[in-house]
N, C-alpha and C. Protein backbone atom coordinates (compact mmCIF):
# COMPACT_ATOMS: atom_id res chain seq x y z
N MET A 1 -13.03 -22.15 -6.57
CA MET A 1 -12.23 -21.13 -6.06
C MET A 1 -12.76 -20.77 -4.64
N PRO A 2 -11.81 -20.44 -3.73
CA PRO A 2 -12.26 -20.18 -2.38
C PRO A 2 -12.84 -18.80 -2.18
N GLY A 3 -12.69 -17.89 -3.16
CA GLY A 3 -13.22 -16.52 -3.04
C GLY A 3 -12.11 -15.52 -2.58
N PRO A 4 -12.49 -14.30 -2.38
CA PRO A 4 -11.56 -13.23 -2.01
C PRO A 4 -10.96 -13.43 -0.69
N ALA A 5 -9.79 -12.90 -0.45
CA ALA A 5 -9.20 -13.04 0.85
C ALA A 5 -9.97 -12.14 1.90
N PRO A 6 -10.11 -12.55 3.16
CA PRO A 6 -10.84 -11.72 4.05
C PRO A 6 -10.20 -10.45 4.39
N LYS A 7 -11.01 -9.38 4.59
CA LYS A 7 -10.54 -8.03 4.84
C LYS A 7 -10.10 -7.91 6.33
N PRO A 8 -9.03 -7.28 6.60
CA PRO A 8 -8.68 -6.99 7.94
C PRO A 8 -9.70 -6.12 8.62
N SER A 9 -9.89 -6.28 9.89
CA SER A 9 -10.96 -5.54 10.65
C SER A 9 -10.76 -4.04 10.48
N ALA A 10 -9.59 -3.50 10.40
CA ALA A 10 -9.39 -2.12 10.24
C ALA A 10 -10.00 -1.59 8.95
N LEU A 11 -9.94 -2.33 7.88
CA LEU A 11 -10.58 -1.96 6.61
C LEU A 11 -12.09 -2.15 6.76
N LYS A 12 -12.51 -3.18 7.46
CA LYS A 12 -14.01 -3.45 7.59
C LYS A 12 -14.67 -2.27 8.28
N GLU A 13 -14.07 -1.82 9.33
CA GLU A 13 -14.56 -0.69 10.13
C GLU A 13 -14.75 0.56 9.37
N LEU A 14 -13.90 0.78 8.31
CA LEU A 14 -13.95 1.93 7.49
C LEU A 14 -14.97 1.82 6.34
N GLY A 15 -15.39 0.58 6.13
CA GLY A 15 -16.34 0.32 5.04
C GLY A 15 -17.77 0.88 5.25
N PRO A 16 -18.60 0.67 4.20
CA PRO A 16 -19.92 1.15 4.36
C PRO A 16 -20.73 0.23 5.37
N ARG A 17 -21.59 0.89 6.13
CA ARG A 17 -22.44 0.19 7.18
C ARG A 17 -21.57 -0.68 8.05
N PRO A 18 -20.57 -0.08 8.77
CA PRO A 18 -19.68 -0.94 9.60
C PRO A 18 -20.43 -1.66 10.64
N HIS A 19 -21.59 -1.17 10.99
CA HIS A 19 -22.38 -1.92 12.08
C HIS A 19 -22.87 -3.33 11.60
N ARG A 20 -22.89 -3.53 10.31
CA ARG A 20 -23.29 -4.82 9.75
C ARG A 20 -22.21 -5.77 9.55
N LYS A 21 -20.94 -5.26 9.58
CA LYS A 21 -19.77 -6.08 9.37
C LYS A 21 -19.37 -6.82 10.75
N LYS A 22 -19.23 -8.04 10.61
CA LYS A 22 -18.86 -8.84 11.86
C LYS A 22 -17.32 -8.78 11.88
N THR A 23 -16.85 -8.37 13.02
CA THR A 23 -15.37 -8.34 13.23
C THR A 23 -15.00 -9.57 13.91
N ASP A 24 -13.83 -10.10 13.72
CA ASP A 24 -13.39 -11.29 14.33
C ASP A 24 -12.84 -10.95 15.71
N LYS A 25 -13.55 -11.38 16.79
CA LYS A 25 -13.08 -11.09 18.13
C LYS A 25 -11.81 -11.68 18.51
N LYS A 26 -11.40 -12.72 17.82
CA LYS A 26 -10.12 -13.46 18.09
C LYS A 26 -8.98 -12.94 17.28
N GLU A 27 -9.24 -11.93 16.36
CA GLU A 27 -8.20 -11.45 15.53
C GLU A 27 -7.20 -10.62 16.40
N PRO A 28 -5.94 -10.91 16.32
CA PRO A 28 -4.97 -10.17 17.12
C PRO A 28 -4.89 -8.74 16.67
N ILE A 29 -4.70 -7.86 17.61
CA ILE A 29 -4.51 -6.41 17.30
C ILE A 29 -3.15 -5.97 17.58
N PRO A 30 -2.29 -5.93 16.56
CA PRO A 30 -0.89 -5.49 16.78
C PRO A 30 -0.85 -3.96 17.02
N ASP A 31 0.30 -3.52 17.49
CA ASP A 31 0.49 -2.12 17.72
C ASP A 31 0.49 -1.40 16.35
N THR A 32 -0.14 -0.22 16.34
CA THR A 32 -0.16 0.61 15.12
C THR A 32 1.12 1.41 14.94
N GLY A 33 1.39 1.90 13.84
CA GLY A 33 2.56 2.75 13.63
C GLY A 33 3.25 2.33 12.35
N ILE A 34 4.29 3.16 12.03
CA ILE A 34 5.16 2.89 10.86
C ILE A 34 6.25 2.07 11.27
N PRO A 35 6.44 0.87 10.66
CA PRO A 35 7.63 0.06 11.04
C PRO A 35 8.93 0.71 10.60
N ARG A 36 9.97 0.33 11.17
CA ARG A 36 11.32 0.84 10.83
C ARG A 36 11.74 0.25 9.48
N CYS A 37 12.26 1.14 8.65
CA CYS A 37 12.74 0.78 7.30
C CYS A 37 13.97 -0.07 7.40
N PRO A 38 14.00 -1.23 6.77
CA PRO A 38 15.19 -2.09 6.84
C PRO A 38 16.38 -1.47 6.14
N HIS A 39 17.61 -1.74 6.64
CA HIS A 39 18.79 -1.10 6.14
C HIS A 39 19.23 -1.74 4.81
N TRP A 40 18.76 -2.99 4.54
CA TRP A 40 19.29 -3.65 3.40
C TRP A 40 18.63 -3.24 2.07
N MET A 41 17.60 -2.43 2.15
CA MET A 41 16.92 -1.99 0.92
C MET A 41 17.63 -1.04 0.11
N ASP A 42 17.48 -1.00 -1.18
CA ASP A 42 18.05 -0.03 -2.05
C ASP A 42 17.29 1.36 -1.90
N GLY A 43 17.78 2.42 -2.51
CA GLY A 43 17.25 3.68 -2.39
C GLY A 43 15.80 3.77 -2.84
N ILE A 44 15.38 3.08 -3.94
CA ILE A 44 14.06 3.17 -4.44
C ILE A 44 13.15 2.51 -3.44
N ALA A 45 13.50 1.40 -2.96
CA ALA A 45 12.70 0.63 -1.99
C ALA A 45 12.52 1.41 -0.65
N LYS A 46 13.59 2.00 -0.20
CA LYS A 46 13.58 2.80 1.00
C LYS A 46 12.59 3.95 0.93
N TYR A 47 12.68 4.64 -0.19
CA TYR A 47 11.83 5.82 -0.45
C TYR A 47 10.38 5.32 -0.50
N ALA A 48 10.09 4.21 -1.20
CA ALA A 48 8.73 3.69 -1.25
C ALA A 48 8.25 3.20 0.10
N PHE A 49 9.15 2.57 0.90
CA PHE A 49 8.78 2.16 2.26
C PHE A 49 8.32 3.37 3.10
N LYS A 50 9.04 4.45 3.10
CA LYS A 50 8.74 5.59 3.85
C LYS A 50 7.46 6.23 3.37
N GLU A 51 7.34 6.44 2.06
CA GLU A 51 6.14 7.09 1.49
C GLU A 51 4.89 6.28 1.78
N LEU A 52 4.95 4.98 1.55
CA LEU A 52 3.83 4.09 1.74
C LEU A 52 3.47 3.96 3.26
N GLY A 53 4.54 3.96 4.05
CA GLY A 53 4.33 3.91 5.51
C GLY A 53 3.51 5.04 5.96
N ILE A 54 3.81 6.26 5.48
CA ILE A 54 3.04 7.48 5.86
C ILE A 54 1.63 7.39 5.36
N THR A 55 1.44 6.98 4.11
CA THR A 55 0.17 6.90 3.55
C THR A 55 -0.71 5.83 4.29
N LEU A 56 -0.20 4.68 4.50
CA LEU A 56 -0.93 3.60 5.15
C LEU A 56 -1.24 3.88 6.61
N ASP A 57 -0.32 4.64 7.29
CA ASP A 57 -0.56 5.02 8.61
C ASP A 57 -1.69 6.08 8.74
N GLY A 58 -1.69 6.88 7.74
CA GLY A 58 -2.79 7.88 7.62
C GLY A 58 -4.13 7.29 7.37
N MET A 59 -4.12 6.16 6.69
CA MET A 59 -5.37 5.40 6.39
C MET A 59 -5.78 4.58 7.59
N LYS A 60 -4.94 4.51 8.59
CA LYS A 60 -5.21 3.61 9.80
C LYS A 60 -5.29 2.22 9.56
N VAL A 61 -4.53 1.69 8.59
CA VAL A 61 -4.45 0.30 8.28
C VAL A 61 -3.12 -0.37 8.46
N LEU A 62 -2.16 0.42 8.83
CA LEU A 62 -0.80 -0.10 9.02
C LEU A 62 -0.44 -0.44 10.50
N THR A 63 0.14 -1.59 10.73
CA THR A 63 0.59 -1.98 12.05
C THR A 63 2.05 -2.44 11.98
N LEU A 64 2.71 -2.51 13.10
CA LEU A 64 4.07 -2.94 13.20
C LEU A 64 4.24 -4.29 12.63
N ALA A 65 3.17 -5.10 12.73
CA ALA A 65 3.21 -6.50 12.24
C ALA A 65 3.27 -6.57 10.71
N ASP A 66 2.96 -5.48 9.99
CA ASP A 66 2.86 -5.47 8.61
C ASP A 66 4.28 -5.18 7.97
N LYS A 67 5.30 -5.14 8.71
CA LYS A 67 6.56 -4.78 8.26
C LYS A 67 7.07 -5.68 7.03
N LYS A 68 6.95 -6.92 7.21
CA LYS A 68 7.47 -7.88 6.19
C LYS A 68 6.62 -7.71 4.92
N ALA A 69 5.31 -7.56 4.97
CA ALA A 69 4.47 -7.37 3.83
C ALA A 69 4.85 -6.08 3.12
N LEU A 70 5.07 -5.06 3.85
CA LEU A 70 5.53 -3.78 3.30
C LEU A 70 6.86 -3.92 2.66
N GLU A 71 7.75 -4.66 3.22
CA GLU A 71 9.12 -4.96 2.68
C GLU A 71 8.95 -5.55 1.29
N LEU A 72 8.11 -6.63 1.21
CA LEU A 72 7.90 -7.34 -0.05
C LEU A 72 7.30 -6.40 -1.08
N LEU A 73 6.39 -5.60 -0.69
CA LEU A 73 5.80 -4.67 -1.68
C LEU A 73 6.91 -3.66 -2.25
N CYS A 74 7.64 -3.12 -1.34
CA CYS A 74 8.67 -2.10 -1.72
C CYS A 74 9.77 -2.71 -2.49
N ASP A 75 10.18 -3.94 -2.12
CA ASP A 75 11.18 -4.67 -2.89
C ASP A 75 10.74 -4.94 -4.24
N ALA A 76 9.48 -5.43 -4.45
CA ALA A 76 9.03 -5.71 -5.74
C ALA A 76 8.84 -4.40 -6.63
N TYR A 77 8.44 -3.37 -5.94
CA TYR A 77 8.41 -2.04 -6.64
C TYR A 77 9.75 -1.64 -7.08
N SER A 78 10.79 -1.75 -6.31
CA SER A 78 12.09 -1.34 -6.65
C SER A 78 12.65 -2.23 -7.85
N GLU A 79 12.29 -3.50 -7.78
CA GLU A 79 12.70 -4.44 -8.92
C GLU A 79 12.12 -3.98 -10.22
N TYR A 80 10.78 -3.66 -10.08
CA TYR A 80 10.06 -3.21 -11.31
C TYR A 80 10.69 -1.93 -11.88
N ARG A 81 10.91 -0.97 -10.97
CA ARG A 81 11.51 0.31 -11.44
C ARG A 81 12.87 0.17 -12.18
N ARG A 82 13.68 -0.75 -11.56
CA ARG A 82 15.02 -0.95 -12.13
C ARG A 82 14.90 -1.66 -13.47
N ALA A 83 14.09 -2.67 -13.48
CA ALA A 83 13.84 -3.38 -14.84
C ALA A 83 13.29 -2.50 -15.89
N ARG A 84 12.28 -1.62 -15.49
CA ARG A 84 11.62 -0.71 -16.37
C ARG A 84 12.62 0.36 -16.87
N ALA A 85 13.56 0.82 -16.07
CA ALA A 85 14.57 1.79 -16.51
C ALA A 85 15.44 1.20 -17.64
N PHE A 86 15.81 -0.10 -17.41
CA PHE A 86 16.61 -0.79 -18.41
C PHE A 86 15.89 -0.91 -19.75
N ILE A 87 14.57 -1.25 -19.69
CA ILE A 87 13.74 -1.32 -20.84
C ILE A 87 13.65 0.02 -21.60
N LEU A 88 13.43 1.03 -20.80
CA LEU A 88 13.28 2.36 -21.42
C LEU A 88 14.53 2.79 -22.13
N GLU A 89 15.73 2.38 -21.60
CA GLU A 89 16.96 2.77 -22.14
C GLU A 89 17.36 1.86 -23.36
N ASN A 90 17.08 0.60 -23.23
CA ASN A 90 17.60 -0.38 -24.20
C ASN A 90 16.54 -1.01 -25.16
N GLY A 91 15.22 -0.80 -24.86
CA GLY A 91 14.18 -1.44 -25.54
C GLY A 91 13.81 -2.82 -25.00
N THR A 92 12.97 -3.48 -25.63
CA THR A 92 12.51 -4.80 -25.11
C THR A 92 13.19 -5.96 -25.74
N HIS A 93 13.83 -5.70 -26.96
CA HIS A 93 14.39 -6.85 -27.73
C HIS A 93 15.78 -6.44 -28.19
N TYR A 94 16.59 -7.40 -28.53
CA TYR A 94 17.89 -7.23 -29.10
C TYR A 94 18.05 -8.20 -30.20
N GLU A 95 19.03 -7.91 -31.15
CA GLU A 95 19.31 -8.76 -32.32
C GLU A 95 20.35 -9.79 -31.91
N SER A 96 20.20 -10.98 -32.45
CA SER A 96 21.13 -12.07 -32.28
C SER A 96 21.26 -12.79 -33.55
N ARG A 97 22.50 -13.19 -33.83
CA ARG A 97 22.82 -13.95 -35.05
C ARG A 97 22.66 -15.45 -34.84
N THR A 98 22.12 -16.17 -35.71
CA THR A 98 22.06 -17.59 -35.65
C THR A 98 23.38 -18.12 -36.24
N GLN A 99 23.58 -19.42 -36.16
CA GLN A 99 24.82 -20.09 -36.74
C GLN A 99 24.73 -20.08 -38.23
N ALA A 100 23.47 -20.03 -38.77
CA ALA A 100 23.41 -19.96 -40.22
C ALA A 100 23.53 -18.48 -40.79
N GLY A 101 23.70 -17.57 -39.89
CA GLY A 101 23.84 -16.16 -40.31
C GLY A 101 22.52 -15.36 -40.27
N GLY A 102 21.40 -15.97 -39.90
CA GLY A 102 20.14 -15.24 -39.84
C GLY A 102 20.09 -14.33 -38.57
N ILE A 103 19.13 -13.47 -38.58
CA ILE A 103 18.90 -12.58 -37.47
C ILE A 103 17.73 -12.95 -36.69
N LEU A 104 17.87 -13.08 -35.32
CA LEU A 104 16.78 -13.35 -34.43
C LEU A 104 16.62 -12.16 -33.50
N PHE A 105 15.43 -11.93 -33.19
CA PHE A 105 15.18 -10.88 -32.23
C PHE A 105 14.75 -11.64 -30.86
N LYS A 106 15.57 -11.32 -29.89
CA LYS A 106 15.29 -11.96 -28.59
C LYS A 106 14.93 -10.86 -27.61
N LYS A 107 14.06 -11.38 -26.68
CA LYS A 107 13.55 -10.54 -25.59
C LYS A 107 14.61 -10.45 -24.47
N TYR A 108 14.86 -9.18 -23.98
CA TYR A 108 15.73 -9.04 -22.76
C TYR A 108 15.01 -9.72 -21.61
N PRO A 109 15.80 -10.35 -20.72
CA PRO A 109 15.27 -10.95 -19.48
C PRO A 109 14.56 -9.87 -18.65
N HIS A 110 14.89 -8.62 -18.70
CA HIS A 110 14.27 -7.52 -18.02
C HIS A 110 12.88 -7.37 -18.26
N VAL A 111 12.34 -7.76 -19.42
CA VAL A 111 11.00 -7.71 -19.70
C VAL A 111 10.19 -8.63 -18.81
N ASP A 112 10.61 -9.88 -18.69
CA ASP A 112 9.97 -10.82 -17.78
C ASP A 112 10.08 -10.43 -16.32
N ILE A 113 11.24 -9.87 -15.96
CA ILE A 113 11.46 -9.43 -14.56
C ILE A 113 10.50 -8.28 -14.22
N ALA A 114 10.31 -7.34 -15.19
CA ALA A 114 9.41 -6.21 -14.93
C ALA A 114 8.00 -6.72 -14.85
N SER A 115 7.55 -7.59 -15.67
CA SER A 115 6.28 -8.12 -15.71
C SER A 115 5.94 -8.81 -14.40
N ASN A 116 6.87 -9.70 -13.96
CA ASN A 116 6.69 -10.47 -12.70
C ASN A 116 6.60 -9.51 -11.54
N ALA A 117 7.55 -8.50 -11.49
CA ALA A 117 7.56 -7.61 -10.37
C ALA A 117 6.34 -6.74 -10.36
N TRP A 118 5.86 -6.35 -11.53
CA TRP A 118 4.61 -5.55 -11.58
C TRP A 118 3.42 -6.32 -10.98
N ARG A 119 3.33 -7.65 -11.39
CA ARG A 119 2.29 -8.44 -10.89
C ARG A 119 2.27 -8.53 -9.38
N ARG A 120 3.49 -8.86 -8.82
CA ARG A 120 3.63 -9.04 -7.35
C ARG A 120 3.27 -7.61 -6.69
N CYS A 121 3.68 -6.56 -7.28
CA CYS A 121 3.43 -5.23 -6.69
C CYS A 121 1.91 -4.95 -6.71
N ALA A 122 1.21 -5.26 -7.81
CA ALA A 122 -0.23 -5.04 -7.86
C ALA A 122 -0.99 -5.85 -6.84
N ASP A 123 -0.51 -7.09 -6.65
CA ASP A 123 -1.13 -7.90 -5.65
C ASP A 123 -0.97 -7.42 -4.22
N MET A 124 0.20 -6.95 -3.93
CA MET A 124 0.52 -6.40 -2.61
C MET A 124 -0.26 -5.08 -2.43
N LEU A 125 -0.35 -4.30 -3.38
CA LEU A 125 -1.06 -2.97 -3.30
C LEU A 125 -2.57 -3.24 -2.92
N LYS A 126 -3.07 -4.28 -3.52
CA LYS A 126 -4.54 -4.69 -3.17
C LYS A 126 -4.57 -5.15 -1.76
N GLN A 127 -3.56 -5.82 -1.26
CA GLN A 127 -3.56 -6.32 0.10
C GLN A 127 -3.66 -5.17 1.10
N PHE A 128 -3.02 -4.06 0.73
CA PHE A 128 -3.06 -2.99 1.61
C PHE A 128 -4.16 -1.92 1.37
N GLY A 129 -4.97 -2.33 0.32
CA GLY A 129 -6.06 -1.35 0.05
C GLY A 129 -5.61 -0.11 -0.71
N LEU A 130 -4.62 -0.27 -1.54
CA LEU A 130 -4.03 0.93 -2.18
C LEU A 130 -4.39 1.05 -3.69
N THR A 131 -5.44 0.34 -4.10
CA THR A 131 -5.86 0.49 -5.47
C THR A 131 -7.33 0.92 -5.43
N PRO A 132 -7.83 1.51 -6.50
CA PRO A 132 -9.19 2.08 -6.47
C PRO A 132 -10.22 0.89 -6.26
N SER A 133 -10.02 -0.23 -6.90
CA SER A 133 -10.96 -1.31 -6.74
C SER A 133 -10.88 -1.91 -5.36
N ALA A 134 -9.76 -1.87 -4.71
CA ALA A 134 -9.64 -2.40 -3.40
C ALA A 134 -10.31 -1.49 -2.40
N ARG A 135 -10.41 -0.22 -2.75
CA ARG A 135 -11.02 0.75 -1.81
C ARG A 135 -12.52 0.92 -2.07
N THR A 136 -13.15 0.20 -3.05
CA THR A 136 -14.53 0.50 -3.44
C THR A 136 -15.46 0.30 -2.19
N GLY A 137 -15.14 -0.64 -1.33
CA GLY A 137 -15.97 -0.85 -0.21
C GLY A 137 -15.66 -0.11 0.98
N VAL A 138 -14.58 0.72 0.92
CA VAL A 138 -14.12 1.55 2.01
C VAL A 138 -14.75 2.87 1.97
N ASP A 139 -15.47 3.26 2.94
CA ASP A 139 -16.00 4.62 3.06
C ASP A 139 -15.56 5.28 4.36
N VAL A 140 -14.50 6.13 4.13
CA VAL A 140 -13.91 6.77 5.37
C VAL A 140 -14.84 7.84 5.85
N VAL A 141 -15.13 7.74 7.18
CA VAL A 141 -15.98 8.74 7.81
C VAL A 141 -15.08 9.86 8.35
N LYS A 142 -15.29 11.06 7.84
CA LYS A 142 -14.50 12.13 8.33
C LYS A 142 -15.21 12.90 9.50
N GLU A 143 -14.34 13.30 10.44
CA GLU A 143 -14.91 13.99 11.55
C GLU A 143 -15.45 15.34 11.07
N PRO A 144 -16.54 15.72 11.68
CA PRO A 144 -17.14 17.03 11.27
C PRO A 144 -16.23 18.19 11.61
N GLU A 145 -16.30 19.21 10.87
CA GLU A 145 -15.48 20.38 11.22
C GLU A 145 -15.92 21.04 12.43
N LYS A 146 -15.07 21.45 13.18
CA LYS A 146 -15.39 22.13 14.59
C LYS A 146 -15.79 23.51 14.28
N ASP A 147 -16.86 23.90 14.97
CA ASP A 147 -17.43 25.29 14.83
C ASP A 147 -16.68 26.05 15.91
N PRO A 148 -15.90 27.10 15.54
CA PRO A 148 -15.19 27.88 16.50
C PRO A 148 -16.06 28.61 17.51
N LEU A 149 -17.29 29.07 17.06
CA LEU A 149 -18.22 29.75 17.97
C LEU A 149 -18.77 28.73 18.98
N ALA A 150 -19.09 27.57 18.62
CA ALA A 150 -19.57 26.56 19.51
C ALA A 150 -18.52 26.20 20.54
N GLU A 151 -17.29 26.15 20.12
CA GLU A 151 -16.18 25.79 21.03
C GLU A 151 -15.98 26.98 22.09
N PHE A 152 -16.08 28.19 21.59
CA PHE A 152 -15.98 29.35 22.49
C PHE A 152 -17.05 29.37 23.47
N MET A 153 -18.30 29.07 23.03
CA MET A 153 -19.45 29.08 23.94
C MET A 153 -19.30 28.02 24.96
N ALA A 154 -18.81 26.84 24.49
CA ALA A 154 -18.65 25.68 25.48
C ALA A 154 -17.63 26.00 26.53
N LYS A 155 -16.61 26.74 26.15
CA LYS A 155 -15.56 27.19 27.18
C LYS A 155 -16.25 28.22 28.09
N GLY A 156 -17.07 29.06 27.70
CA GLY A 156 -17.75 29.98 28.50
C GLY A 156 -18.63 29.36 29.56
N LYS A 157 -19.31 28.29 29.17
CA LYS A 157 -20.15 27.59 30.08
C LYS A 157 -19.32 26.90 31.16
N LYS A 158 -18.12 26.38 30.84
CA LYS A 158 -17.27 25.77 31.82
C LYS A 158 -16.74 26.81 32.86
N LEU A 159 -16.45 28.04 32.35
CA LEU A 159 -15.97 29.04 33.25
C LEU A 159 -17.04 29.45 34.20
N GLU A 160 -18.32 29.58 33.79
CA GLU A 160 -19.42 29.96 34.67
C GLU A 160 -19.66 28.91 35.75
N ALA A 161 -19.44 27.63 35.36
CA ALA A 161 -19.65 26.49 36.32
C ALA A 161 -18.55 26.56 37.45
N VAL A 162 -17.41 27.11 37.18
CA VAL A 162 -16.35 27.09 38.17
C VAL A 162 -16.63 28.19 39.19
N LYS A 163 -17.33 29.29 38.86
CA LYS A 163 -17.59 30.40 39.80
C LYS A 163 -18.42 29.88 40.95
């Protein structure tokens, strides 16, 4: 097996001991921001696209080049939700009569659809670092809180220098 997929530089920089991580100097750096939501998506997928876009942008890992990957994630999520709603309403199996008059219990196709969509969704969530295990190596460094008194004093020094 070739091993895990390489992490994007944006995730490497957030990880523990970023000075030890080698970043790929040749890696293209696309523009950051939330891509435009495609018009063809259904309501569930559009909502997920907007919600995940905000979350990923806040994590500083989303670029405009990630639009198609985010589309795939949201489309799989929508497919999962629709199949899951059918299963919750109708159950996982239905009765069918054989030619001999016996009863067979058959699985609805929605069960396999939900399972497949869940798997694709889980894989894409990992790609974006949106699962707990995908974030284990990510250590976000928060900016220290600003001291209002220190800011006020710094402004006072600037004013004295102007005189």
